[in-house]
Amino acid sequence: MTAPNNPNPPTDVRNISIRKPYFDLIASGHKTIEVRVGYPSMRRITPGQLIRFTSGDNHCLTHVTRITEYPSFKAMLDHEDPTAIAATSNREELLDIIRNIYPPEKENLGVLAIEIERHV
């Protein structure tokens, strides 16, 4: 899904690549929480910032409404709704999926739950 051209595009837009299945969930509005580990670049994301998620030639502009840091994926899932992260996964399936993406040494950097909404 590519948004129509905006004659006045926002100037402070962060570009983040994302896997196609998760991009589709964001673009459809079903995925409202993006999970990332605490890389220094991810820690610079702030509420109010715009993020353009890209997958191949597709892009979707979102607005950050909240960022919450957790010490682990398990702790995050104790507080966040799994269906907001991956609409079709239950808690245990989602924990396995996330841990297959990020190895333990990355999880040790901290976990960021980035709440987003589609920007129109």
N, C-alpha and C. Protein backbone atom coordinates (compact mmCIF):
# COMPACT_ATOMS: atom_id res chain seq x y z
N MET A 1 0.85 -1.18 0.00
CA MET A 1 0.00 0.00 0.00
C MET A 1 0.88 1.23 0.00
N THR A 2 0.71 2.07 -0.91
CA THR A 2 1.47 3.30 -0.98
C THR A 2 0.49 4.45 -0.82
N ALA A 3 0.82 5.33 0.11
CA ALA A 3 -0.05 6.47 0.37
C ALA A 3 0.04 7.45 -0.79
N PRO A 4 -1.04 8.21 -1.03
CA PRO A 4 -0.98 9.21 -2.09
C PRO A 4 0.07 10.27 -1.77
N ASN A 5 0.57 10.93 -2.80
CA ASN A 5 1.56 11.98 -2.59
C ASN A 5 0.95 13.12 -1.78
N ASN A 6 1.71 13.58 -0.80
CA ASN A 6 1.28 14.69 0.03
C ASN A 6 2.02 15.93 -0.47
N PRO A 7 1.31 17.01 -0.83
CA PRO A 7 1.99 18.20 -1.33
C PRO A 7 2.85 18.87 -0.26
N ASN A 8 2.57 18.62 1.03
CA ASN A 8 3.35 19.17 2.13
C ASN A 8 3.84 18.03 3.02
N PRO A 9 4.81 17.23 2.55
CA PRO A 9 5.24 16.08 3.34
C PRO A 9 5.92 16.53 4.64
N PRO A 10 5.75 15.75 5.72
CA PRO A 10 6.43 16.08 6.97
C PRO A 10 7.94 16.03 6.77
N THR A 11 8.66 16.84 7.51
CA THR A 11 10.11 16.89 7.33
C THR A 11 10.86 15.96 8.26
N ASP A 12 10.31 15.63 9.44
CA ASP A 12 11.00 14.78 10.39
C ASP A 12 10.41 13.37 10.35
N VAL A 13 10.73 12.64 9.29
CA VAL A 13 10.19 11.31 9.10
C VAL A 13 11.32 10.30 9.23
N ARG A 14 11.12 9.31 10.05
CA ARG A 14 12.08 8.22 10.25
C ARG A 14 11.67 7.06 9.34
N ASN A 15 12.58 6.52 8.58
CA ASN A 15 12.31 5.38 7.71
C ASN A 15 12.76 4.10 8.39
N ILE A 16 11.87 3.11 8.44
CA ILE A 16 12.20 1.82 9.05
C ILE A 16 11.73 0.71 8.11
N SER A 17 12.63 -0.20 7.78
CA SER A 17 12.28 -1.36 6.98
C SER A 17 11.62 -2.40 7.87
N ILE A 18 10.64 -3.11 7.29
CA ILE A 18 9.91 -4.10 8.05
C ILE A 18 9.54 -5.25 7.12
N ARG A 19 9.44 -6.44 7.67
CA ARG A 19 9.06 -7.62 6.89
C ARG A 19 7.64 -7.47 6.38
N LYS A 20 7.40 -7.99 5.18
CA LYS A 20 6.12 -7.81 4.49
C LYS A 20 4.88 -8.19 5.32
N PRO A 21 4.86 -9.34 6.00
CA PRO A 21 3.63 -9.66 6.75
C PRO A 21 3.30 -8.61 7.81
N TYR A 22 4.32 -8.06 8.45
CA TYR A 22 4.10 -7.05 9.50
C TYR A 22 3.77 -5.69 8.89
N PHE A 23 4.37 -5.42 7.73
CA PHE A 23 4.01 -4.20 7.01
C PHE A 23 2.52 -4.21 6.67
N ASP A 24 2.05 -5.33 6.17
CA ASP A 24 0.64 -5.44 5.79
C ASP A 24 -0.28 -5.22 6.99
N LEU A 25 0.11 -5.71 8.14
CA LEU A 25 -0.69 -5.50 9.36
C LEU A 25 -0.72 -4.03 9.76
N ILE A 26 0.41 -3.35 9.62
CA ILE A 26 0.45 -1.91 9.93
C ILE A 26 -0.40 -1.15 8.94
N ALA A 27 -0.22 -1.45 7.66
CA ALA A 27 -0.96 -0.73 6.61
C ALA A 27 -2.46 -0.92 6.75
N SER A 28 -2.90 -2.08 7.23
CA SER A 28 -4.32 -2.34 7.40
C SER A 28 -4.87 -1.77 8.70
N GLY A 29 -3.97 -1.32 9.59
CA GLY A 29 -4.41 -0.77 10.87
C GLY A 29 -4.55 -1.80 11.97
N HIS A 30 -4.24 -3.06 11.69
CA HIS A 30 -4.37 -4.11 12.70
C HIS A 30 -3.19 -4.16 13.66
N LYS A 31 -2.02 -3.78 13.19
CA LYS A 31 -0.82 -3.78 14.04
C LYS A 31 -0.59 -2.34 14.50
N THR A 32 -0.73 -2.13 15.80
CA THR A 32 -0.57 -0.78 16.35
C THR A 32 0.61 -0.68 17.30
N ILE A 33 1.34 -1.77 17.50
CA ILE A 33 2.55 -1.73 18.32
C ILE A 33 3.67 -2.42 17.55
N GLU A 34 4.74 -1.69 17.31
CA GLU A 34 5.93 -2.24 16.67
C GLU A 34 6.95 -2.51 17.78
N VAL A 35 7.55 -3.70 17.74
CA VAL A 35 8.52 -4.10 18.75
C VAL A 35 9.92 -4.04 18.15
N ARG A 36 10.79 -3.37 18.87
CA ARG A 36 12.20 -3.28 18.46
C ARG A 36 13.07 -3.44 19.71
N VAL A 37 14.32 -3.81 19.50
CA VAL A 37 15.24 -3.85 20.64
C VAL A 37 15.89 -2.48 20.78
N GLY A 38 16.51 -2.27 21.94
CA GLY A 38 17.00 -0.94 22.29
C GLY A 38 18.31 -0.53 21.66
N TYR A 39 18.40 -0.64 20.34
CA TYR A 39 19.55 -0.07 19.64
C TYR A 39 19.55 1.44 19.88
N PRO A 40 20.73 2.06 19.93
CA PRO A 40 20.76 3.52 20.13
C PRO A 40 19.89 4.28 19.14
N SER A 41 19.85 3.84 17.88
CA SER A 41 19.05 4.55 16.88
C SER A 41 17.55 4.43 17.19
N MET A 42 17.12 3.30 17.71
CA MET A 42 15.71 3.12 18.05
C MET A 42 15.33 3.94 19.29
N ARG A 43 16.28 4.13 20.18
CA ARG A 43 16.03 4.90 21.40
C ARG A 43 15.82 6.39 21.10
N ARG A 44 16.18 6.82 19.90
CA ARG A 44 15.98 8.22 19.52
C ARG A 44 14.57 8.51 19.02
N ILE A 45 13.77 7.47 18.84
CA ILE A 45 12.37 7.67 18.43
C ILE A 45 11.61 8.28 19.59
N THR A 46 10.77 9.25 19.28
CA THR A 46 10.02 9.95 20.33
C THR A 46 8.53 10.00 19.99
N PRO A 47 7.67 10.08 21.01
CA PRO A 47 6.25 10.28 20.74
C PRO A 47 6.05 11.54 19.89
N GLY A 48 5.13 11.45 18.96
CA GLY A 48 4.87 12.57 18.05
C GLY A 48 5.64 12.46 16.75
N GLN A 49 6.68 11.65 16.72
CA GLN A 49 7.49 11.49 15.52
C GLN A 49 6.74 10.69 14.47
N LEU A 50 7.04 10.95 13.21
CA LEU A 50 6.48 10.17 12.11
C LEU A 50 7.46 9.08 11.72
N ILE A 51 6.93 7.89 11.48
CA ILE A 51 7.74 6.77 10.99
C ILE A 51 7.12 6.28 9.69
N ARG A 52 7.97 6.16 8.66
CA ARG A 52 7.54 5.58 7.40
C ARG A 52 8.08 4.15 7.36
N PHE A 53 7.17 3.19 7.48
CA PHE A 53 7.55 1.79 7.38
C PHE A 53 7.60 1.43 5.90
N THR A 54 8.66 0.72 5.51
CA THR A 54 8.81 0.32 4.12
C THR A 54 9.03 -1.19 4.02
N SER A 55 8.46 -1.74 2.96
CA SER A 55 8.67 -3.14 2.62
C SER A 55 8.70 -3.19 1.10
N GLY A 56 9.88 -3.40 0.57
CA GLY A 56 10.03 -3.35 -0.89
C GLY A 56 9.69 -1.96 -1.38
N ASP A 57 8.77 -1.85 -2.34
CA ASP A 57 8.37 -0.55 -2.89
C ASP A 57 7.18 0.05 -2.15
N ASN A 58 6.67 -0.63 -1.15
CA ASN A 58 5.51 -0.15 -0.40
C ASN A 58 5.94 0.64 0.82
N HIS A 59 5.14 1.65 1.17
CA HIS A 59 5.43 2.40 2.38
C HIS A 59 4.13 2.82 3.05
N CYS A 60 4.22 3.03 4.35
CA CYS A 60 3.07 3.41 5.16
C CYS A 60 3.55 4.40 6.22
N LEU A 61 2.95 5.57 6.24
CA LEU A 61 3.33 6.61 7.19
C LEU A 61 2.52 6.47 8.47
N THR A 62 3.22 6.47 9.61
CA THR A 62 2.57 6.34 10.91
C THR A 62 3.04 7.44 11.84
N HIS A 63 2.32 7.59 12.92
CA HIS A 63 2.59 8.60 13.95
C HIS A 63 2.82 7.85 15.26
N VAL A 64 3.92 8.14 15.96
CA VAL A 64 4.23 7.48 17.23
C VAL A 64 3.41 8.14 18.34
N THR A 65 2.64 7.32 19.05
CA THR A 65 1.82 7.85 20.15
C THR A 65 2.41 7.55 21.52
N ARG A 66 3.23 6.47 21.60
CA ARG A 66 3.79 6.08 22.89
C ARG A 66 4.97 5.17 22.66
N ILE A 67 5.96 5.24 23.56
CA ILE A 67 7.07 4.30 23.58
C ILE A 67 7.25 3.84 25.02
N THR A 68 7.27 2.53 25.19
CA THR A 68 7.48 1.97 26.53
C THR A 68 8.62 0.98 26.44
N GLU A 69 9.56 1.08 27.39
CA GLU A 69 10.69 0.17 27.42
C GLU A 69 10.47 -0.92 28.46
N TYR A 70 10.89 -2.13 28.11
CA TYR A 70 10.78 -3.29 28.99
C TYR A 70 12.14 -3.99 29.03
N PRO A 71 12.41 -4.74 30.11
CA PRO A 71 13.70 -5.44 30.19
C PRO A 71 13.78 -6.69 29.31
N SER A 72 12.62 -7.22 28.88
CA SER A 72 12.62 -8.44 28.08
C SER A 72 11.33 -8.52 27.26
N PHE A 73 11.31 -9.44 26.30
CA PHE A 73 10.10 -9.65 25.51
C PHE A 73 8.98 -10.21 26.39
N LYS A 74 9.34 -11.09 27.31
CA LYS A 74 8.34 -11.65 28.21
C LYS A 74 7.70 -10.56 29.05
N ALA A 75 8.50 -9.66 29.60
CA ALA A 75 7.97 -8.55 30.40
C ALA A 75 7.07 -7.66 29.54
N MET A 76 7.48 -7.43 28.30
CA MET A 76 6.65 -6.62 27.41
C MET A 76 5.29 -7.26 27.20
N LEU A 77 5.29 -8.58 26.96
CA LEU A 77 4.04 -9.28 26.70
C LEU A 77 3.18 -9.42 27.96
N ASP A 78 3.77 -9.19 29.13
CA ASP A 78 2.98 -9.16 30.37
C ASP A 78 2.13 -7.89 30.43
N HIS A 79 2.50 -6.87 29.63
CA HIS A 79 1.82 -5.57 29.69
C HIS A 79 1.17 -5.12 28.40
N GLU A 80 1.61 -5.65 27.27
CA GLU A 80 1.09 -5.22 25.97
C GLU A 80 0.16 -6.28 25.39
N ASP A 81 -0.80 -5.85 24.61
CA ASP A 81 -1.76 -6.76 23.96
C ASP A 81 -1.10 -7.45 22.77
N PRO A 82 -0.94 -8.77 22.80
CA PRO A 82 -0.28 -9.46 21.68
C PRO A 82 -0.96 -9.22 20.34
N THR A 83 -2.29 -9.04 20.34
CA THR A 83 -2.98 -8.83 19.06
C THR A 83 -2.67 -7.47 18.45
N ALA A 84 -2.18 -6.53 19.25
CA ALA A 84 -1.77 -5.23 18.72
C ALA A 84 -0.39 -5.31 18.07
N ILE A 85 0.35 -6.38 18.38
CA ILE A 85 1.70 -6.58 17.85
C ILE A 85 1.65 -7.45 16.59
N ALA A 86 0.89 -8.52 16.65
CA ALA A 86 0.71 -9.42 15.50
C ALA A 86 -0.69 -10.00 15.63
N ALA A 87 -1.59 -9.49 14.87
CA ALA A 87 -3.03 -9.74 15.03
C ALA A 87 -3.41 -11.22 15.11
N THR A 88 -2.63 -12.10 14.54
CA THR A 88 -3.04 -13.50 14.49
C THR A 88 -2.30 -14.39 15.47
N SER A 89 -1.44 -13.84 16.30
CA SER A 89 -0.63 -14.66 17.20
C SER A 89 -1.10 -14.55 18.64
N ASN A 90 -1.05 -15.70 19.35
CA ASN A 90 -1.29 -15.63 20.79
C ASN A 90 0.03 -15.31 21.48
N ARG A 91 0.01 -15.14 22.77
CA ARG A 91 1.18 -14.69 23.53
C ARG A 91 2.40 -15.60 23.33
N GLU A 92 2.23 -16.90 23.50
CA GLU A 92 3.36 -17.82 23.40
C GLU A 92 3.90 -17.92 21.98
N GLU A 93 3.02 -17.95 20.99
CA GLU A 93 3.47 -17.97 19.59
C GLU A 93 4.25 -16.69 19.27
N LEU A 94 3.74 -15.57 19.75
CA LEU A 94 4.39 -14.30 19.49
C LEU A 94 5.76 -14.23 20.14
N LEU A 95 5.87 -14.73 21.36
CA LEU A 95 7.17 -14.76 22.04
C LEU A 95 8.17 -15.57 21.22
N ASP A 96 7.75 -16.71 20.70
CA ASP A 96 8.63 -17.54 19.86
C ASP A 96 9.03 -16.80 18.58
N ILE A 97 8.06 -16.15 17.94
CA ILE A 97 8.33 -15.41 16.70
C ILE A 97 9.36 -14.30 16.94
N ILE A 98 9.13 -13.51 17.99
CA ILE A 98 10.03 -12.39 18.28
C ILE A 98 11.43 -12.89 18.62
N ARG A 99 11.51 -13.97 19.40
CA ARG A 99 12.83 -14.49 19.79
C ARG A 99 13.55 -15.14 18.61
N ASN A 100 12.81 -15.54 17.58
CA ASN A 100 13.46 -16.04 16.36
C ASN A 100 14.02 -14.89 15.52
N ILE A 101 13.45 -13.70 15.68
CA ILE A 101 13.95 -12.52 14.97
C ILE A 101 15.15 -11.93 15.69
N TYR A 102 15.04 -11.83 17.02
CA TYR A 102 16.09 -11.21 17.83
C TYR A 102 16.72 -12.25 18.77
N PRO A 103 18.02 -12.52 18.64
CA PRO A 103 18.69 -13.45 19.54
C PRO A 103 18.82 -12.84 20.95
N PRO A 104 19.14 -13.69 21.96
CA PRO A 104 19.20 -13.22 23.35
C PRO A 104 20.08 -11.99 23.58
N GLU A 105 21.21 -11.90 22.87
CA GLU A 105 22.09 -10.74 23.10
C GLU A 105 21.43 -9.44 22.65
N LYS A 106 20.54 -9.51 21.67
CA LYS A 106 19.80 -8.31 21.25
C LYS A 106 18.70 -7.99 22.26
N GLU A 107 18.01 -9.00 22.76
CA GLU A 107 16.98 -8.80 23.77
C GLU A 107 17.57 -8.12 25.01
N ASN A 108 18.83 -8.44 25.32
CA ASN A 108 19.51 -7.85 26.48
C ASN A 108 19.71 -6.34 26.34
N LEU A 109 19.53 -5.79 25.14
CA LEU A 109 19.63 -4.33 24.93
C LEU A 109 18.39 -3.60 25.45
N GLY A 110 17.36 -4.36 25.83
CA GLY A 110 16.08 -3.78 26.23
C GLY A 110 15.11 -3.90 25.07
N VAL A 111 13.83 -3.83 25.40
CA VAL A 111 12.77 -4.01 24.41
C VAL A 111 11.90 -2.76 24.37
N LEU A 112 11.65 -2.26 23.17
CA LEU A 112 10.82 -1.08 22.99
C LEU A 112 9.50 -1.46 22.35
N ALA A 113 8.42 -1.07 22.99
CA ALA A 113 7.08 -1.21 22.41
C ALA A 113 6.71 0.17 21.89
N ILE A 114 6.65 0.31 20.58
CA ILE A 114 6.40 1.59 19.94
C ILE A 114 4.96 1.58 19.43
N GLU A 115 4.10 2.34 20.10
CA GLU A 115 2.69 2.41 19.69
C GLU A 115 2.55 3.42 18.57
N ILE A 116 1.86 2.99 17.51
CA ILE A 116 1.73 3.81 16.30
C ILE A 116 0.28 3.88 15.85
N GLU A 117 -0.02 4.89 15.08
CA GLU A 117 -1.30 4.95 14.38
C GLU A 117 -1.03 5.45 12.97
N ARG A 118 -1.87 5.03 12.04
CA ARG A 118 -1.71 5.48 10.65
C ARG A 118 -1.81 6.99 10.60
N HIS A 119 -0.94 7.59 9.81
CA HIS A 119 -0.95 9.05 9.63
C HIS A 119 -1.72 9.36 8.35
N VAL A 120 -2.70 10.21 8.48
CA VAL A 120 -3.50 10.57 7.30
C VAL A 120 -3.33 12.01 6.92
